[in-house]
N, C-alpha and C. Protein backbone atom coordinates (compact mmCIF):
# COMPACT_ATOMS: atom_id res chain seq x y z
N MET A 1 86.83 81.08 63.24
CA MET A 1 86.68 82.32 63.77
C MET A 1 85.96 82.32 65.05
N LYS A 2 84.78 81.60 65.11
CA LYS A 2 83.97 81.54 66.33
C LYS A 2 84.81 80.89 67.46
N ARG A 3 85.64 79.95 67.04
CA ARG A 3 86.40 79.12 68.03
C ARG A 3 87.51 80.11 68.73
N THR A 4 88.11 80.96 67.90
CA THR A 4 89.08 81.85 68.40
C THR A 4 88.48 82.93 69.29
N THR A 5 87.28 83.46 68.94
CA THR A 5 86.56 84.39 69.74
C THR A 5 86.22 83.76 71.05
N LEU A 6 85.76 82.49 71.05
CA LEU A 6 85.30 81.80 72.24
C LEU A 6 86.48 81.64 73.20
N VAL A 7 87.62 81.29 72.62
CA VAL A 7 88.91 81.09 73.38
C VAL A 7 89.26 82.30 74.13
N LEU A 8 89.29 83.45 73.33
CA LEU A 8 89.72 84.73 73.84
C LEU A 8 88.75 85.20 74.95
N ALA A 9 87.39 84.97 74.68
CA ALA A 9 86.49 85.39 75.71
C ALA A 9 86.64 84.65 76.99
N SER A 10 86.99 83.30 76.87
CA SER A 10 87.18 82.42 78.03
C SER A 10 88.41 82.88 78.83
N LEU A 11 89.53 83.27 78.08
CA LEU A 11 90.76 83.80 78.79
C LEU A 11 90.50 85.07 79.58
N VAL A 12 89.71 86.00 78.90
CA VAL A 12 89.45 87.25 79.51
C VAL A 12 88.55 86.99 80.78
N LEU A 13 87.50 86.08 80.75
CA LEU A 13 86.72 85.86 81.83
C LEU A 13 87.53 85.14 82.95
N ALA A 14 88.40 84.27 82.59
CA ALA A 14 89.19 83.53 83.66
C ALA A 14 90.13 84.59 84.29
N ALA A 15 90.74 85.45 83.59
CA ALA A 15 91.61 86.44 84.17
C ALA A 15 90.79 87.37 85.07
N THR A 16 89.66 87.77 84.66
CA THR A 16 88.86 88.69 85.51
C THR A 16 88.38 87.93 86.80
N ALA A 17 88.03 86.69 86.72
CA ALA A 17 87.51 85.95 87.93
C ALA A 17 88.79 85.77 88.81
N HIS A 18 89.92 85.54 88.32
CA HIS A 18 91.14 85.35 89.09
C HIS A 18 91.43 86.66 89.97
N ALA A 19 91.33 87.72 89.25
CA ALA A 19 91.68 89.11 89.82
C ALA A 19 90.65 89.31 90.88
N GLN A 20 89.40 89.01 90.67
CA GLN A 20 88.38 89.29 91.73
C GLN A 20 88.33 88.43 92.83
N SER A 21 89.01 87.21 92.75
CA SER A 21 89.00 86.23 93.78
C SER A 21 90.26 86.37 94.68
N GLY A 22 91.02 87.50 94.52
CA GLY A 22 92.12 87.69 95.41
C GLY A 22 93.43 87.42 94.86
N GLY A 23 93.43 87.43 93.48
CA GLY A 23 94.75 87.28 92.81
C GLY A 23 95.57 88.55 93.09
N MET A 24 96.82 88.60 92.61
CA MET A 24 97.74 89.70 92.91
C MET A 24 97.32 90.82 92.03
N GLN A 25 96.73 91.84 92.67
CA GLN A 25 96.28 93.04 91.84
C GLN A 25 97.29 94.18 92.24
N GLY A 26 98.19 94.51 91.29
CA GLY A 26 99.19 95.49 91.62
C GLY A 26 100.00 95.09 92.92
N MET A 27 100.24 93.93 93.12
CA MET A 27 101.07 93.41 94.22
C MET A 27 100.46 93.55 95.46
N GLU A 28 98.98 93.70 95.55
CA GLU A 28 98.33 93.75 96.84
C GLU A 28 97.63 92.37 97.01
N MET A 29 97.90 91.79 98.23
CA MET A 29 97.30 90.44 98.47
C MET A 29 96.48 90.48 99.75
N LYS A 30 95.25 90.49 99.59
CA LYS A 30 94.23 90.30 100.73
C LYS A 30 94.73 91.28 101.96
N GLY A 31 94.73 92.54 101.66
CA GLY A 31 95.01 93.62 102.67
C GLY A 31 96.40 93.74 102.95
N MET A 32 97.34 93.21 102.27
CA MET A 32 98.71 93.43 102.46
C MET A 32 99.50 93.83 101.21
N ASP A 33 99.87 95.10 101.22
CA ASP A 33 100.61 95.59 99.97
C ASP A 33 102.11 95.49 100.28
N MET A 34 102.93 95.74 99.20
CA MET A 34 104.34 95.63 99.28
C MET A 34 105.00 96.52 100.41
N LYS A 35 104.32 97.64 100.75
CA LYS A 35 104.90 98.36 101.90
C LYS A 35 104.85 97.59 103.20
N ASP A 36 103.78 96.77 103.42
CA ASP A 36 103.69 95.95 104.55
C ASP A 36 104.78 94.87 104.54
N MET A 37 105.05 94.26 103.40
CA MET A 37 105.99 93.23 103.22
C MET A 37 107.39 93.81 103.51
N ASP A 38 107.73 95.02 103.11
CA ASP A 38 108.94 95.66 103.38
C ASP A 38 109.14 95.77 104.83
N LYS A 39 108.18 96.30 105.58
CA LYS A 39 108.21 96.43 106.98
C LYS A 39 108.56 95.19 107.76
N LYS A 40 107.89 94.13 107.36
CA LYS A 40 108.11 92.80 108.01
C LYS A 40 109.48 92.25 107.57
N ALA A 41 110.11 92.71 106.56
CA ALA A 41 111.34 92.07 106.12
C ALA A 41 112.50 92.82 106.92
N GLN A 42 112.17 94.00 107.49
CA GLN A 42 113.21 94.68 108.33
C GLN A 42 113.49 93.85 109.57
N GLN A 43 114.73 93.82 109.95
CA GLN A 43 115.15 92.99 110.93
C GLN A 43 115.06 93.68 112.28
N LYS A 44 114.57 93.02 113.28
CA LYS A 44 114.37 93.58 114.58
C LYS A 44 115.63 93.39 115.34
N SER A 45 116.08 94.45 116.01
CA SER A 45 117.26 94.54 116.85
C SER A 45 117.02 94.01 118.28
N HIS A 46 117.95 93.28 118.77
CA HIS A 46 117.84 92.77 120.12
C HIS A 46 119.10 93.24 120.96
N HIS A 47 118.89 93.26 122.27
CA HIS A 47 119.98 93.76 123.14
C HIS A 47 120.34 92.69 124.14
N ALA A 48 121.61 92.51 124.35
CA ALA A 48 122.06 91.56 125.36
C ALA A 48 123.26 92.16 126.19
N VAL A 49 123.34 91.76 127.42
CA VAL A 49 124.37 92.11 128.34
C VAL A 49 125.01 90.87 128.81
N GLY A 50 126.35 90.83 128.77
CA GLY A 50 127.06 89.62 129.15
C GLY A 50 128.56 89.79 129.41
N VAL A 51 129.17 88.66 129.56
CA VAL A 51 130.62 88.67 129.85
C VAL A 51 131.31 87.86 128.70
N VAL A 52 132.34 88.51 128.10
CA VAL A 52 133.10 87.75 127.00
C VAL A 52 133.69 86.55 127.46
N LYS A 53 133.41 85.42 126.80
CA LYS A 53 134.15 84.10 127.18
C LYS A 53 135.36 84.01 126.21
N SER A 54 135.24 84.29 124.89
CA SER A 54 136.35 84.23 123.97
C SER A 54 135.94 85.09 122.77
N VAL A 55 137.01 85.37 122.07
CA VAL A 55 136.94 86.15 120.75
C VAL A 55 137.78 85.38 119.76
N ASP A 56 137.25 85.09 118.62
CA ASP A 56 137.99 84.64 117.46
C ASP A 56 138.04 85.71 116.32
N ALA A 57 139.00 86.49 116.41
CA ALA A 57 139.14 87.65 115.37
C ALA A 57 139.17 87.13 113.97
N ALA A 58 139.85 86.01 113.74
CA ALA A 58 139.94 85.48 112.29
C ALA A 58 138.53 85.06 111.87
N LYS A 59 137.73 84.54 112.66
CA LYS A 59 136.40 84.13 112.19
C LYS A 59 135.37 85.23 112.30
N GLY A 60 135.75 86.17 113.17
CA GLY A 60 134.79 87.34 113.49
C GLY A 60 133.67 86.91 114.33
N THR A 61 134.04 86.11 115.37
CA THR A 61 132.99 85.65 116.20
C THR A 61 133.32 86.02 117.73
N LEU A 62 132.29 86.05 118.53
CA LEU A 62 132.40 86.42 119.94
C LEU A 62 131.56 85.39 120.74
N THR A 63 132.13 84.75 121.68
CA THR A 63 131.37 83.83 122.60
C THR A 63 131.07 84.66 123.87
N LEU A 64 129.88 84.66 124.25
CA LEU A 64 129.29 85.60 125.29
C LEU A 64 128.47 84.74 126.24
N ASP A 65 128.74 84.87 127.53
CA ASP A 65 127.82 84.39 128.62
C ASP A 65 126.90 85.59 128.84
N HIS A 66 125.75 85.49 128.30
CA HIS A 66 124.83 86.60 128.38
C HIS A 66 123.61 86.41 129.38
N GLU A 67 123.11 87.44 129.89
CA GLU A 67 121.92 87.48 130.72
C GLU A 67 120.64 87.12 129.81
N PRO A 68 119.52 86.96 130.50
CA PRO A 68 118.29 86.68 129.61
C PRO A 68 118.05 87.76 128.62
N VAL A 69 117.60 87.43 127.40
CA VAL A 69 117.34 88.37 126.40
C VAL A 69 115.75 88.33 126.14
N ALA A 70 115.02 89.20 126.75
CA ALA A 70 113.64 89.26 126.78
C ALA A 70 112.93 89.28 125.37
N SER A 71 113.53 90.06 124.51
CA SER A 71 112.97 90.21 123.16
C SER A 71 113.06 88.90 122.38
N MET A 72 113.85 87.98 122.77
CA MET A 72 114.06 86.56 122.11
C MET A 72 113.46 85.52 122.94
N LYS A 73 113.01 85.88 124.20
CA LYS A 73 112.56 84.90 125.17
C LYS A 73 113.60 83.84 125.46
N TRP A 74 114.93 84.30 125.51
CA TRP A 74 115.99 83.40 125.87
C TRP A 74 116.28 83.48 127.30
N PRO A 75 116.70 82.37 127.96
CA PRO A 75 117.33 82.46 129.26
C PRO A 75 118.77 82.88 129.23
N ALA A 76 119.37 83.03 130.34
CA ALA A 76 120.80 83.29 130.37
C ALA A 76 121.49 82.07 129.77
N MET A 77 122.50 82.33 128.95
CA MET A 77 123.24 81.18 128.39
C MET A 77 124.56 81.63 127.78
N SER A 78 125.34 80.69 127.37
CA SER A 78 126.59 81.04 126.58
C SER A 78 126.37 80.75 125.20
N MET A 79 126.72 81.63 124.29
CA MET A 79 126.58 81.35 122.86
C MET A 79 127.55 82.20 121.98
N THR A 80 127.61 81.86 120.79
CA THR A 80 128.52 82.55 119.89
C THR A 80 127.77 83.30 118.88
N PHE A 81 128.22 84.61 118.66
CA PHE A 81 127.63 85.60 117.77
C PHE A 81 128.63 85.91 116.75
N LYS A 82 128.15 86.17 115.50
CA LYS A 82 129.08 86.69 114.43
C LYS A 82 129.03 88.23 114.52
N ALA A 83 130.20 88.81 114.21
CA ALA A 83 130.29 90.23 114.12
C ALA A 83 130.04 90.74 112.70
N LYS A 84 129.21 91.85 112.68
CA LYS A 84 128.95 92.48 111.38
C LYS A 84 130.26 92.99 110.84
N ASP A 85 131.22 93.53 111.66
CA ASP A 85 132.39 94.03 111.32
C ASP A 85 133.44 93.47 112.20
N LYS A 86 134.42 92.73 111.84
CA LYS A 86 135.35 92.19 112.70
C LYS A 86 136.16 93.19 113.49
N LYS A 87 136.31 94.41 113.05
CA LYS A 87 136.91 95.48 113.78
C LYS A 87 136.27 95.77 115.09
N MET A 88 135.03 95.47 115.31
CA MET A 88 134.33 95.87 116.53
C MET A 88 134.78 94.92 117.67
N LEU A 89 135.53 93.79 117.34
CA LEU A 89 135.90 92.82 118.35
C LEU A 89 137.39 93.08 118.83
N GLN A 90 138.06 94.03 118.13
CA GLN A 90 139.50 94.33 118.51
C GLN A 90 139.69 94.68 119.93
N SER A 91 138.85 95.32 120.59
CA SER A 91 139.06 95.73 122.02
C SER A 91 138.49 94.81 122.99
N LEU A 92 138.03 93.72 122.56
CA LEU A 92 137.32 92.73 123.44
C LEU A 92 138.30 91.56 123.98
N ALA A 93 138.25 91.36 125.20
CA ALA A 93 138.97 90.15 125.80
C ALA A 93 138.14 89.38 126.79
N PRO A 94 138.51 88.15 126.98
CA PRO A 94 137.77 87.34 127.92
C PRO A 94 137.65 88.01 129.35
N GLY A 95 136.48 87.92 129.93
CA GLY A 95 136.22 88.57 131.25
C GLY A 95 135.65 89.96 131.14
N LYS A 96 135.60 90.58 129.98
CA LYS A 96 135.11 91.93 129.84
C LYS A 96 133.62 91.94 129.86
N LYS A 97 132.99 92.77 130.55
CA LYS A 97 131.50 92.86 130.50
C LYS A 97 131.17 93.83 129.37
N VAL A 98 130.15 93.38 128.49
CA VAL A 98 129.82 94.17 127.30
C VAL A 98 128.20 94.19 127.19
N GLU A 99 127.78 95.14 126.36
CA GLU A 99 126.46 95.15 125.92
C GLU A 99 126.42 95.09 124.43
N ILE A 100 125.71 94.23 123.79
CA ILE A 100 125.59 94.14 122.32
C ILE A 100 124.21 94.30 121.93
N ASP A 101 124.13 94.82 120.60
CA ASP A 101 122.92 94.84 119.88
C ASP A 101 123.14 93.89 118.73
N PHE A 102 122.09 93.00 118.41
CA PHE A 102 122.26 92.05 117.38
C PHE A 102 120.98 91.84 116.63
N VAL A 103 121.12 91.18 115.48
CA VAL A 103 119.93 90.87 114.67
C VAL A 103 120.11 89.45 114.23
N GLN A 104 118.95 88.80 113.93
CA GLN A 104 119.05 87.46 113.32
C GLN A 104 118.99 87.53 111.85
N GLN A 105 120.01 86.82 111.26
CA GLN A 105 120.05 86.68 109.77
C GLN A 105 120.15 85.21 109.47
N GLY A 106 118.99 84.71 109.03
CA GLY A 106 118.98 83.28 108.85
C GLY A 106 119.24 82.52 110.17
N LYS A 107 120.18 81.66 110.15
CA LYS A 107 120.41 80.96 111.43
C LYS A 107 121.53 81.51 112.28
N ASP A 108 122.06 82.68 111.86
CA ASP A 108 123.12 83.36 112.50
C ASP A 108 122.57 84.51 113.33
N TYR A 109 123.27 84.87 114.45
CA TYR A 109 122.93 86.06 115.18
C TYR A 109 124.15 87.03 115.09
N VAL A 110 123.83 88.14 114.47
CA VAL A 110 124.95 89.07 113.93
C VAL A 110 124.96 90.28 114.90
N ILE A 111 126.08 90.63 115.48
CA ILE A 111 126.29 91.71 116.35
C ILE A 111 126.42 92.95 115.43
N THR A 112 125.62 93.93 115.76
CA THR A 112 125.61 95.24 115.02
C THR A 112 126.32 96.35 115.80
N SER A 113 126.37 96.26 117.05
CA SER A 113 127.18 97.12 117.88
C SER A 113 127.57 96.55 119.22
N VAL A 114 128.73 97.02 119.76
CA VAL A 114 129.25 96.59 121.01
C VAL A 114 129.64 97.77 121.92
N LYS A 115 129.19 97.73 123.14
CA LYS A 115 129.53 98.83 124.09
C LYS A 115 130.21 98.31 125.30
């Protein structure tokens, strides 16, 4: 009986010490709660202006010669973007000047709008 009481008391003390030392208390971690994590998870949108080099409607991709993108600290370059919706690529043709908004999703850059 003494051994069981001692084990239970040790577990309670260990749990209390962990909670006081910065353990996850109600999903709050050292000044950052779940609301902060949700905000950081939101994707930042970027804007680019450029000229269409090619469109691959089957793959849903657009290759663009774009001007510098300040929000990404990118110089002017040619690169391929994926379209969020393949339909937004229907009216595009090589040589057309466009403005796009895009987000980064993993290793891909996904167009969310084309003007």
